[in-house]
Amino acid sequence: MTRDELIAALQAASGPDRSIDFELCELSAAGVKEAELTGHIRHYTSSIDAALTLVPDGAFHGVGMTISLPPETLATCSLYRDGYCAVFGYGNTPALAACIAALKAMEDKHD
C-alpha cells in the first residue's frame, strides 16, 4: 500500500486493524527491525504510544489530542513544530488519528 492508500484505510477504519498494523510496520525501518528481532509487530492502530513511534525523530516537538463526543465521535492528533501545528490527522479513535498524523509527518519531515 502507498502512504496515501494507508491514510485512506486509516480514515475509513472504525477501530484497530492488524492488517493495517502490518502495512504500517513495512513503512517504518524501526518497526521492521523490531519485528525481525522480536517476531512481533506493534499494535499501531490500537495504541497511541505505538502509533507515535512512527513519527520521524526530531521532526516534531509536541502532540495534541482531542476527542469529540457522540454522536459524531472523532479523534484528532496534531503534531507541532516550533510552536505551530505542522501536521494534523483525524480518525475514529485516538490511535488511528495518531497513525494518520505520523504518516503525514513522514512526508513533512524537516531536519
Protein backbone atom coordinates (compact mmCIF):
# COMPACT_ATOMS: atom_id res chain seq x y z
CA MET A 1 0.00 0.00 0.00
CA THR A 2 1.15 3.53 -0.68
CA ARG A 3 1.18 6.14 2.07
CA ASP A 4 -1.95 7.79 0.60
CA GLU A 5 -3.76 4.42 0.45
CA LEU A 6 -2.83 3.76 4.08
CA ILE A 7 -4.12 7.16 5.15
CA ALA A 8 -7.43 6.45 3.35
CA ALA A 9 -7.63 3.00 5.00
CA LEU A 10 -6.96 4.51 8.43
CA GLN A 11 -9.59 7.20 7.92
CA ALA A 12 -12.14 4.53 6.92
CA ALA A 13 -11.25 2.18 9.80
CA SER A 14 -13.67 2.05 12.71
CA GLY A 15 -11.13 0.58 15.11
CA PRO A 16 -7.92 -1.45 15.39
CA ASP A 17 -6.92 -3.40 12.29
CA ARG A 18 -3.98 -5.82 12.31
CA SER A 19 -3.69 -5.82 8.51
CA ILE A 20 -3.11 -2.06 8.64
CA ASP A 21 -0.62 -2.59 11.50
CA PHE A 22 1.40 -4.86 9.20
CA GLU A 23 1.34 -2.26 6.41
CA LEU A 24 2.45 0.47 8.83
CA CYS A 25 5.31 -1.71 10.03
CA GLU A 26 6.52 -2.03 6.43
CA LEU A 27 6.87 1.78 6.23
CA SER A 28 8.88 2.05 9.43
CA ALA A 29 12.51 0.95 9.40
CA ALA A 30 12.43 0.79 13.21
CA GLY A 31 9.23 -1.27 13.06
CA VAL A 32 10.73 -3.74 10.60
CA LYS A 33 13.88 -4.09 12.70
CA GLU A 34 11.86 -4.64 15.89
CA ALA A 35 9.62 -7.19 14.13
CA GLU A 36 12.68 -9.08 12.91
CA LEU A 37 14.22 -9.12 16.39
CA THR A 38 11.10 -9.96 18.40
CA GLY A 39 8.78 -11.60 15.89
CA HIS A 40 6.05 -9.14 16.92
CA ILE A 41 4.51 -6.18 15.15
CA ARG A 42 3.33 -3.27 17.25
CA HIS A 43 -0.38 -2.59 17.60
CA TYR A 44 -0.18 0.80 15.89
CA THR A 45 -3.93 1.09 15.28
CA SER A 46 -4.89 0.36 18.89
CA SER A 47 -2.11 2.10 20.83
CA ILE A 48 -1.33 5.82 20.76
CA ASP A 49 2.15 5.08 22.11
CA ALA A 50 2.84 2.61 19.30
CA ALA A 51 1.40 4.98 16.68
CA LEU A 52 3.63 7.82 17.82
CA THR A 53 6.74 5.67 17.32
CA LEU A 54 6.06 6.18 13.59
CA VAL A 55 6.72 9.94 13.87
CA PRO A 56 10.17 10.78 12.43
CA ASP A 57 12.76 11.53 15.13
CA GLY A 58 13.50 15.18 15.77
CA ALA A 59 10.95 16.50 13.29
CA PHE A 60 8.20 17.39 15.76
CA HIS A 61 8.22 18.62 19.34
CA GLY A 62 4.73 18.19 20.71
CA VAL A 63 1.48 16.30 20.36
CA GLY A 64 -2.08 17.47 20.92
CA MET A 65 -5.06 15.10 21.05
CA THR A 66 -8.78 15.91 21.08
CA ILE A 67 -11.80 13.64 21.04
CA SER A 68 -15.30 14.87 20.22
CA LEU A 69 -18.31 13.39 21.97
CA PRO A 70 -21.02 11.16 20.46
CA PRO A 71 -22.94 11.01 18.24
CA GLU A 72 -20.16 12.25 15.91
CA THR A 73 -17.17 10.83 17.77
CA LEU A 74 -13.92 11.81 16.09
CA ALA A 75 -10.36 11.89 17.37
CA THR A 76 -7.70 14.28 16.13
CA CYS A 77 -3.94 14.33 16.55
CA SER A 78 -1.81 17.40 15.91
CA LEU A 79 1.98 17.31 15.72
CA TYR A 80 3.74 20.58 16.47
CA ARG A 81 6.97 22.11 15.24
CA ASP A 82 8.28 25.42 16.55
CA GLY A 83 5.06 26.06 18.47
CA TYR A 84 2.75 25.63 15.47
CA CYS A 85 0.62 22.75 14.27
CA ALA A 86 2.58 21.30 11.37
CA VAL A 87 0.67 18.05 10.79
CA PHE A 88 -2.92 17.07 11.57
CA GLY A 89 -4.67 13.69 11.44
CA TYR A 90 -8.19 12.59 12.25
CA GLY A 91 -9.77 9.19 12.71
CA ASN A 92 -12.40 7.21 14.58
CA THR A 93 -10.05 6.54 17.54
CA PRO A 94 -7.09 8.43 19.00
CA ALA A 95 -4.66 5.72 17.83
CA LEU A 96 -5.98 5.90 14.26
CA ALA A 97 -5.66 9.70 14.30
CA ALA A 98 -2.09 9.40 15.61
CA CYS A 99 -1.20 6.92 12.83
CA ILE A 100 -2.52 9.32 10.19
CA ALA A 101 -0.62 12.27 11.65
CA ALA A 102 2.56 10.15 11.80
CA LEU A 103 2.19 9.16 8.14
CA LYS A 104 1.76 12.82 7.18
CA ALA A 105 4.80 13.66 9.33
CA MET A 106 6.88 11.23 7.26
CA GLU A 107 6.05 13.36 4.21
CA ASP A 108 6.56 16.66 6.03
CA LYS A 109 9.86 15.79 7.76
CA HIS A 110 12.26 18.72 8.24
CA ASP A 111 15.69 18.37 9.85
